[in-house]
N, C-alpha and C. Protein backbone atom coordinates (compact mmCIF):
# COMPACT_ATOMS: atom_id res chain seq x y z
N UNK A 1 0.83 -1.24 -0.01
CA UNK A 1 0.04 0.01 0.07
C UNK A 1 0.86 1.36 0.06
N UNK A 2 0.44 2.22 -0.70
CA UNK A 2 1.22 3.46 -0.80
C UNK A 2 1.24 4.16 0.61
N UNK A 3 2.16 5.11 0.75
CA UNK A 3 2.35 5.79 2.03
C UNK A 3 1.34 6.95 2.04
N UNK A 4 0.11 6.72 2.56
CA UNK A 4 -0.93 7.85 2.65
C UNK A 4 -0.77 8.69 3.80
N UNK A 5 -1.14 9.84 3.76
CA UNK A 5 -0.91 10.85 4.97
C UNK A 5 -2.40 11.29 5.23
N UNK A 6 -2.81 11.28 6.53
CA UNK A 6 -4.04 11.83 6.99
C UNK A 6 -3.85 13.14 7.79
N UNK A 7 -4.50 14.16 7.32
CA UNK A 7 -4.42 15.48 8.10
C UNK A 7 -5.88 15.76 8.52
N UNK A 8 -5.90 16.53 9.56
CA UNK A 8 -7.27 16.98 10.03
C UNK A 8 -7.22 18.53 10.53
N UNK A 9 -8.23 19.08 10.47
CA UNK A 9 -8.42 20.47 10.83
C UNK A 9 -9.79 21.14 10.64
N UNK A 10 -9.83 22.37 10.50
CA UNK A 10 -11.04 23.13 10.33
C UNK A 10 -11.39 23.24 8.80
N UNK A 11 -12.61 23.52 8.52
CA UNK A 11 -13.00 23.78 7.15
C UNK A 11 -12.12 24.88 6.53
N UNK A 12 -11.99 25.94 7.38
CA UNK A 12 -11.16 27.03 6.60
C UNK A 12 -9.80 26.67 6.22
N UNK A 13 -9.22 25.64 7.06
CA UNK A 13 -7.86 25.13 6.56
C UNK A 13 -7.89 24.08 5.50
N UNK A 14 -9.04 23.27 5.46
CA UNK A 14 -9.01 22.03 4.60
C UNK A 14 -10.01 22.13 3.39
N UNK A 15 -10.76 23.24 3.18
CA UNK A 15 -11.76 23.33 2.31
C UNK A 15 -11.25 22.99 0.88
N UNK A 16 -10.02 23.70 0.56
CA UNK A 16 -9.45 23.44 -0.68
C UNK A 16 -9.21 22.07 -1.09
N UNK A 17 -8.82 21.18 -0.12
CA UNK A 17 -8.66 19.80 -0.26
C UNK A 17 -9.79 18.91 -0.21
N UNK A 18 -10.81 19.29 0.66
CA UNK A 18 -11.82 18.37 0.87
C UNK A 18 -13.02 18.56 -0.17
N UNK A 19 -13.30 19.82 -0.59
CA UNK A 19 -14.35 20.11 -1.43
C UNK A 19 -14.29 19.40 -2.81
N UNK A 20 -12.99 19.42 -3.39
CA UNK A 20 -13.00 18.72 -4.74
C UNK A 20 -13.36 17.13 -4.59
N UNK A 21 -12.95 16.56 -3.44
CA UNK A 21 -13.26 15.09 -3.31
C UNK A 21 -14.67 14.99 -3.12
N UNK A 22 -15.45 15.66 -2.29
CA UNK A 22 -16.84 15.60 -2.09
C UNK A 22 -17.59 16.02 -3.42
N UNK A 23 -17.16 16.95 -4.05
CA UNK A 23 -17.72 17.36 -5.33
C UNK A 23 -17.64 16.18 -6.37
N UNK A 24 -16.57 15.47 -6.47
CA UNK A 24 -16.49 14.36 -7.40
C UNK A 24 -17.34 13.20 -6.90
N UNK A 25 -17.37 12.76 -5.78
CA UNK A 25 -18.13 11.65 -5.17
C UNK A 25 -19.47 11.95 -5.13
N UNK A 26 -19.93 12.95 -4.36
CA UNK A 26 -21.35 13.16 -4.16
C UNK A 26 -22.07 13.89 -5.27
N UNK A 27 -21.54 14.94 -5.75
CA UNK A 27 -22.27 15.77 -6.61
C UNK A 27 -22.15 15.12 -8.00
N UNK A 28 -20.98 14.75 -8.52
CA UNK A 28 -20.84 14.31 -9.84
C UNK A 28 -21.27 12.76 -9.96
N UNK A 29 -20.68 11.87 -9.07
CA UNK A 29 -20.99 10.48 -9.23
C UNK A 29 -22.40 10.14 -8.77
N UNK A 30 -22.82 10.71 -7.56
CA UNK A 30 -24.12 10.22 -6.96
C UNK A 30 -25.25 11.25 -7.23
N UNK A 31 -24.91 12.30 -8.04
CA UNK A 31 -25.90 13.25 -8.44
C UNK A 31 -26.61 14.01 -7.40
N UNK A 32 -25.92 14.15 -6.38
CA UNK A 32 -26.59 14.91 -5.15
C UNK A 32 -26.44 16.37 -5.53
N UNK A 33 -27.57 17.09 -5.26
CA UNK A 33 -27.59 18.52 -5.60
C UNK A 33 -26.69 19.33 -4.80
N UNK A 34 -25.83 20.24 -5.37
CA UNK A 34 -24.90 21.11 -4.55
C UNK A 34 -25.63 21.70 -3.32
N UNK A 35 -26.85 22.11 -3.31
CA UNK A 35 -27.42 22.80 -2.17
C UNK A 35 -27.58 21.76 -1.00
N UNK A 36 -27.61 20.50 -1.29
CA UNK A 36 -27.82 19.53 -0.49
C UNK A 36 -26.39 19.02 0.18
N UNK A 37 -25.42 19.23 -0.59
CA UNK A 37 -23.98 18.77 -0.20
C UNK A 37 -23.34 19.73 0.80
N UNK A 38 -23.53 20.90 0.49
CA UNK A 38 -22.79 22.09 1.24
C UNK A 38 -23.73 22.68 2.14
N UNK A 39 -23.32 22.56 3.48
CA UNK A 39 -24.20 23.13 4.59
C UNK A 39 -23.40 23.75 5.66
N UNK A 40 -24.14 24.31 6.64
CA UNK A 40 -23.48 25.04 7.62
C UNK A 40 -22.64 24.21 8.63
N UNK A 41 -22.83 22.90 8.65
CA UNK A 41 -22.06 21.94 9.47
C UNK A 41 -20.62 21.99 9.12
N UNK A 42 -20.25 22.21 7.88
CA UNK A 42 -18.83 22.22 7.54
C UNK A 42 -18.10 23.14 8.43
N UNK A 43 -18.61 24.33 8.67
CA UNK A 43 -17.88 25.35 9.43
C UNK A 43 -17.56 25.00 10.90
N UNK A 44 -18.40 24.10 11.51
CA UNK A 44 -18.32 23.68 12.78
C UNK A 44 -17.77 22.17 13.00
N UNK A 45 -17.38 21.66 11.81
CA UNK A 45 -16.89 20.31 11.91
C UNK A 45 -15.28 20.12 11.97
N UNK A 46 -14.83 19.13 12.42
CA UNK A 46 -13.52 18.79 12.13
C UNK A 46 -13.39 17.94 10.83
N UNK A 47 -12.47 18.34 10.05
CA UNK A 47 -12.33 17.69 8.74
C UNK A 47 -11.09 16.74 8.68
N UNK A 48 -11.19 15.68 7.87
CA UNK A 48 -10.09 14.76 7.71
C UNK A 48 -9.92 14.53 6.25
N UNK A 49 -8.69 14.52 5.77
CA UNK A 49 -8.24 14.46 4.42
C UNK A 49 -7.25 13.40 4.30
N UNK A 50 -7.38 12.45 3.30
CA UNK A 50 -6.22 11.49 3.18
C UNK A 50 -5.60 11.99 1.80
N UNK A 51 -4.27 12.14 1.97
CA UNK A 51 -3.38 12.54 0.87
C UNK A 51 -2.63 11.45 0.34
N UNK A 52 -2.43 11.36 -1.01
CA UNK A 52 -1.45 10.45 -1.69
C UNK A 52 -0.49 11.34 -2.46
N UNK A 53 0.67 11.42 -1.86
CA UNK A 53 1.75 12.29 -2.49
C UNK A 53 1.36 13.70 -2.59
N UNK A 54 0.57 14.20 -1.57
CA UNK A 54 0.08 15.49 -1.52
C UNK A 54 -1.24 15.80 -2.21
N UNK A 55 -1.78 14.80 -2.94
CA UNK A 55 -2.94 14.92 -3.55
C UNK A 55 -4.26 14.37 -2.76
N UNK A 56 -5.25 15.18 -2.56
CA UNK A 56 -6.41 14.76 -1.69
C UNK A 56 -7.10 13.47 -2.42
N UNK A 57 -7.37 12.46 -1.77
CA UNK A 57 -8.05 11.40 -2.36
C UNK A 57 -9.20 10.85 -1.58
N UNK A 58 -9.38 11.37 -0.30
CA UNK A 58 -10.61 10.93 0.47
C UNK A 58 -10.79 12.09 1.46
N UNK A 59 -11.95 12.06 1.98
CA UNK A 59 -12.50 13.15 2.94
C UNK A 59 -13.61 12.69 3.79
N UNK A 60 -13.65 13.34 5.02
CA UNK A 60 -14.77 13.04 5.90
C UNK A 60 -14.84 14.23 7.01
N UNK A 61 -15.92 14.20 7.65
CA UNK A 61 -15.97 15.24 8.77
C UNK A 61 -16.68 14.57 9.97
N UNK A 62 -16.16 15.16 11.09
CA UNK A 62 -16.71 14.80 12.41
C UNK A 62 -17.40 15.93 13.01
N UNK A 63 -18.70 15.82 13.28
CA UNK A 63 -19.46 16.93 13.79
C UNK A 63 -19.47 17.05 15.29
N UNK A 64 -19.57 18.22 15.88
CA UNK A 64 -19.60 18.36 17.39
C UNK A 64 -20.64 17.19 18.04
N UNK A 65 -21.69 16.93 17.28
CA UNK A 65 -22.69 15.87 17.91
C UNK A 65 -22.31 14.52 17.79
N UNK A 66 -20.96 14.24 17.43
CA UNK A 66 -20.39 12.94 17.33
C UNK A 66 -20.79 12.19 16.12
N UNK A 67 -21.40 12.94 15.17
CA UNK A 67 -21.69 12.35 13.89
C UNK A 67 -20.56 12.45 12.82
N UNK A 68 -20.35 11.25 12.14
CA UNK A 68 -19.33 11.30 11.06
C UNK A 68 -20.08 11.37 9.78
N UNK A 69 -19.77 12.19 9.00
CA UNK A 69 -20.36 12.47 7.67
C UNK A 69 -19.45 12.72 6.53
N UNK A 70 -20.05 12.73 5.34
CA UNK A 70 -19.48 13.12 4.14
C UNK A 70 -18.21 12.25 3.96
N UNK A 71 -18.18 10.91 4.17
CA UNK A 71 -17.03 10.08 3.97
C UNK A 71 -17.01 9.74 2.48
N UNK A 72 -15.93 10.20 1.84
CA UNK A 72 -15.84 9.96 0.44
C UNK A 72 -14.45 9.51 -0.05
N UNK A 73 -14.38 8.59 -0.84
CA UNK A 73 -12.98 8.08 -1.34
C UNK A 73 -13.19 8.18 -2.91
N UNK A 74 -12.14 8.88 -3.56
CA UNK A 74 -12.23 9.06 -4.94
C UNK A 74 -12.29 7.55 -5.61
N UNK A 75 -12.92 7.40 -6.69
CA UNK A 75 -13.22 6.08 -7.31
C UNK A 75 -11.96 5.21 -7.59
N UNK A 76 -10.81 5.82 -8.22
CA UNK A 76 -9.58 5.11 -8.51
C UNK A 76 -9.02 4.48 -7.30
N UNK A 77 -9.30 4.94 -6.06
CA UNK A 77 -8.64 4.59 -4.73
C UNK A 77 -9.48 3.68 -3.96
N UNK A 78 -10.66 3.39 -4.42
CA UNK A 78 -11.59 2.42 -3.68
C UNK A 78 -11.06 1.04 -3.63
N UNK A 79 -11.42 0.38 -2.60
CA UNK A 79 -11.08 -1.03 -2.48
C UNK A 79 -9.56 -1.30 -2.10
N UNK A 80 -8.91 -0.19 -1.53
CA UNK A 80 -7.49 -0.33 -1.20
C UNK A 80 -7.30 -0.11 0.31
N UNK A 81 -8.46 0.04 1.01
CA UNK A 81 -8.36 0.10 2.49
C UNK A 81 -8.28 1.67 3.05
N UNK A 82 -8.35 2.59 2.09
CA UNK A 82 -8.22 3.93 2.34
C UNK A 82 -9.36 4.50 3.27
N UNK A 83 -10.70 3.99 2.94
CA UNK A 83 -11.78 4.34 3.63
C UNK A 83 -11.58 3.88 5.16
N UNK A 84 -11.09 2.71 5.26
CA UNK A 84 -10.81 2.15 6.63
C UNK A 84 -9.71 2.81 7.38
N UNK A 85 -8.68 3.26 6.73
CA UNK A 85 -7.69 4.07 7.36
C UNK A 85 -8.21 5.42 7.70
N UNK A 86 -9.00 5.98 7.02
CA UNK A 86 -9.64 7.25 7.33
C UNK A 86 -10.61 7.08 8.68
N UNK A 87 -11.43 6.07 8.59
CA UNK A 87 -12.33 5.86 9.57
C UNK A 87 -11.60 5.65 11.01
N UNK A 88 -10.53 4.68 10.93
CA UNK A 88 -9.76 4.48 12.08
C UNK A 88 -9.19 5.68 12.71
N UNK A 89 -8.70 6.61 11.84
CA UNK A 89 -8.14 7.82 12.30
C UNK A 89 -9.17 8.76 13.00
N UNK A 90 -10.39 8.85 12.35
CA UNK A 90 -11.38 9.64 13.00
C UNK A 90 -11.86 8.97 14.36
N UNK A 91 -11.89 7.64 14.49
CA UNK A 91 -12.18 6.96 15.70
C UNK A 91 -11.14 7.21 16.76
N UNK A 92 -9.83 7.24 16.43
CA UNK A 92 -8.68 7.35 17.17
C UNK A 92 -8.82 8.90 17.87
N UNK A 93 -9.01 9.72 16.91
CA UNK A 93 -9.04 11.27 17.47
C UNK A 93 -10.34 11.36 18.25
N UNK A 94 -11.46 10.73 18.05
CA UNK A 94 -12.63 10.85 18.71
C UNK A 94 -12.31 10.33 20.22
N UNK A 95 -11.66 9.26 20.27
CA UNK A 95 -11.27 8.67 21.63
C UNK A 95 -10.40 9.63 22.35
N UNK A 96 -9.46 10.25 21.68
CA UNK A 96 -8.62 11.24 22.25
C UNK A 96 -9.43 12.52 22.82
N UNK A 97 -10.41 12.80 22.13
CA UNK A 97 -11.31 13.86 22.56
C UNK A 97 -12.39 13.38 23.60
N UNK A 98 -12.31 12.19 24.01
CA UNK A 98 -13.08 11.65 25.05
C UNK A 98 -14.66 11.59 24.75
N UNK A 99 -14.93 11.31 23.39
CA UNK A 99 -16.20 11.12 22.89
C UNK A 99 -16.64 9.73 23.35
N UNK A 100 -17.87 9.60 23.69
CA UNK A 100 -18.35 8.26 24.23
C UNK A 100 -18.79 7.35 23.05
N UNK A 101 -19.23 8.05 22.07
CA UNK A 101 -19.82 7.03 20.86
C UNK A 101 -19.62 7.98 19.59
N UNK A 102 -19.78 7.32 18.48
CA UNK A 102 -19.89 7.83 17.16
C UNK A 102 -21.08 7.42 16.40
N UNK A 103 -21.70 8.14 15.51
CA UNK A 103 -22.76 7.78 14.79
C UNK A 103 -22.59 8.25 13.42
N UNK A 104 -23.32 7.60 12.51
CA UNK A 104 -23.28 8.04 10.97
C UNK A 104 -24.58 7.51 10.34
N UNK A 105 -24.82 8.22 9.18
CA UNK A 105 -25.92 7.80 8.36
C UNK A 105 -25.20 7.07 7.14
N UNK A 106 -25.22 5.77 7.20
CA UNK A 106 -24.53 5.00 5.98
C UNK A 106 -25.49 4.76 4.94
N UNK A 107 -24.89 4.95 3.67
CA UNK A 107 -25.59 4.44 2.54
C UNK A 107 -25.69 3.04 2.70
N UNK A 108 -26.87 2.34 2.21
CA UNK A 108 -27.08 1.01 2.54
C UNK A 108 -26.04 0.08 1.90
N UNK A 109 -25.52 0.50 0.75
CA UNK A 109 -24.46 -0.31 0.22
C UNK A 109 -23.11 -0.43 0.96
N UNK A 110 -22.92 0.58 1.96
CA UNK A 110 -21.85 0.65 2.76
C UNK A 110 -21.92 0.04 4.21
N UNK A 111 -23.05 -0.56 4.43
CA UNK A 111 -23.20 -1.03 5.82
C UNK A 111 -22.22 -2.02 6.19
N UNK A 112 -21.86 -2.90 5.35
CA UNK A 112 -20.92 -4.03 5.81
C UNK A 112 -19.52 -3.39 6.09
N UNK A 113 -19.12 -2.34 5.36
CA UNK A 113 -17.93 -1.68 5.59
C UNK A 113 -17.93 -1.06 6.98
N UNK A 114 -18.91 -0.36 7.34
CA UNK A 114 -18.92 0.20 8.77
C UNK A 114 -19.13 -0.77 9.77
N UNK A 115 -19.90 -1.85 9.55
CA UNK A 115 -20.00 -2.97 10.51
C UNK A 115 -18.64 -3.57 10.73
N UNK A 116 -17.81 -3.67 9.74
CA UNK A 116 -16.50 -4.18 9.89
C UNK A 116 -15.61 -3.47 10.77
N UNK A 117 -15.98 -2.21 11.04
CA UNK A 117 -15.16 -1.30 11.93
C UNK A 117 -15.93 -1.22 13.37
N UNK A 118 -17.00 -2.05 13.48
CA UNK A 118 -17.66 -2.13 14.79
C UNK A 118 -18.99 -1.32 15.01
N UNK A 119 -19.43 -0.69 13.90
CA UNK A 119 -20.69 0.06 14.04
C UNK A 119 -21.91 -1.03 13.84
N UNK A 120 -22.83 -0.61 14.67
CA UNK A 120 -24.12 -1.39 14.50
C UNK A 120 -25.31 -0.59 13.95
N UNK A 121 -26.12 -1.24 13.32
CA UNK A 121 -27.24 -0.62 12.60
C UNK A 121 -28.32 -0.29 13.64
N UNK A 122 -28.93 0.90 13.50
CA UNK A 122 -29.96 1.42 14.41
C UNK A 122 -31.10 1.87 13.55
N UNK A 123 -32.21 1.30 13.80
CA UNK A 123 -33.45 1.70 13.09
C UNK A 123 -33.63 1.19 11.75
N UNK A 124 -34.52 1.78 11.01
CA UNK A 124 -34.93 1.45 9.67
C UNK A 124 -34.33 2.20 8.53
N UNK A 125 -34.21 1.74 7.46
CA UNK A 125 -33.84 2.36 6.16
C UNK A 125 -34.62 3.68 5.84
N UNK A 126 -34.00 4.72 5.37
CA UNK A 126 -34.76 5.86 4.92
C UNK A 126 -33.95 6.46 3.69
N UNK A 127 -34.65 7.30 2.97
CA UNK A 127 -34.13 7.90 1.90
C UNK A 127 -33.55 9.34 2.20
N UNK A 128 -32.36 9.55 1.86
CA UNK A 128 -31.71 10.82 1.95
C UNK A 128 -31.16 11.23 0.65
N UNK A 129 -31.54 12.40 0.08
CA UNK A 129 -31.26 12.77 -1.31
C UNK A 129 -31.48 11.65 -2.32
N UNK A 130 -32.62 10.86 -2.06
CA UNK A 130 -32.88 9.90 -2.89
C UNK A 130 -32.06 8.54 -2.96
N UNK A 131 -31.25 8.50 -1.96
CA UNK A 131 -30.44 7.36 -1.71
C UNK A 131 -30.70 6.63 -0.36
N UNK A 132 -30.89 5.27 -0.42
CA UNK A 132 -31.20 4.55 0.80
C UNK A 132 -29.95 4.69 1.83
N UNK A 133 -30.44 5.05 3.02
CA UNK A 133 -29.52 5.24 4.19
C UNK A 133 -29.98 4.40 5.41
N UNK A 134 -29.15 4.19 6.30
CA UNK A 134 -29.48 3.64 7.58
C UNK A 134 -28.50 4.14 8.66
N UNK A 135 -28.99 4.54 9.85
CA UNK A 135 -28.16 5.01 10.96
C UNK A 135 -27.36 3.75 11.58
N UNK A 136 -26.20 4.12 11.91
CA UNK A 136 -25.30 3.28 12.64
C UNK A 136 -24.52 3.90 13.72
N UNK A 137 -24.22 3.21 14.61
CA UNK A 137 -23.49 3.77 15.94
C UNK A 137 -22.51 2.81 16.46
N UNK A 138 -21.52 3.43 17.17
CA UNK A 138 -20.42 2.67 17.89
C UNK A 138 -20.14 3.31 19.17
N UNK A 139 -19.94 2.46 20.22
CA UNK A 139 -19.59 2.93 21.60
C UNK A 139 -18.09 2.99 21.60
N UNK A 140 -17.41 4.00 21.97
CA UNK A 140 -16.06 4.17 22.04
C UNK A 140 -15.54 3.73 23.38
């Protein structure tokens, strides 16, 4: 596996790296409307970026309410364990911040990925931006 670097920080610091990843994955690939992708939560979240030789290839955010969101890996990098590295780093930092749990809204196709990290399904499926989702949670 290549030597990937994960950085984290505020939206003001990482927007230039995170926004193109999210634009590619959510707006272009998944056809999510830009007004649904960009919200006020970015300004108050901790953002995480995976870099491959300085190039952003994955992104996610951690909200003050312990919710992980906008987890995105560029298509050419999927299936290489990058999403797992990203999630493990978010979980590590959440533990350092003494958070008691993490939650997320998983697209249904990704449930097994998050379950493999220890997240458990909560509740029933629902549509978000026309895509089937289900809530998941992990106690830290």
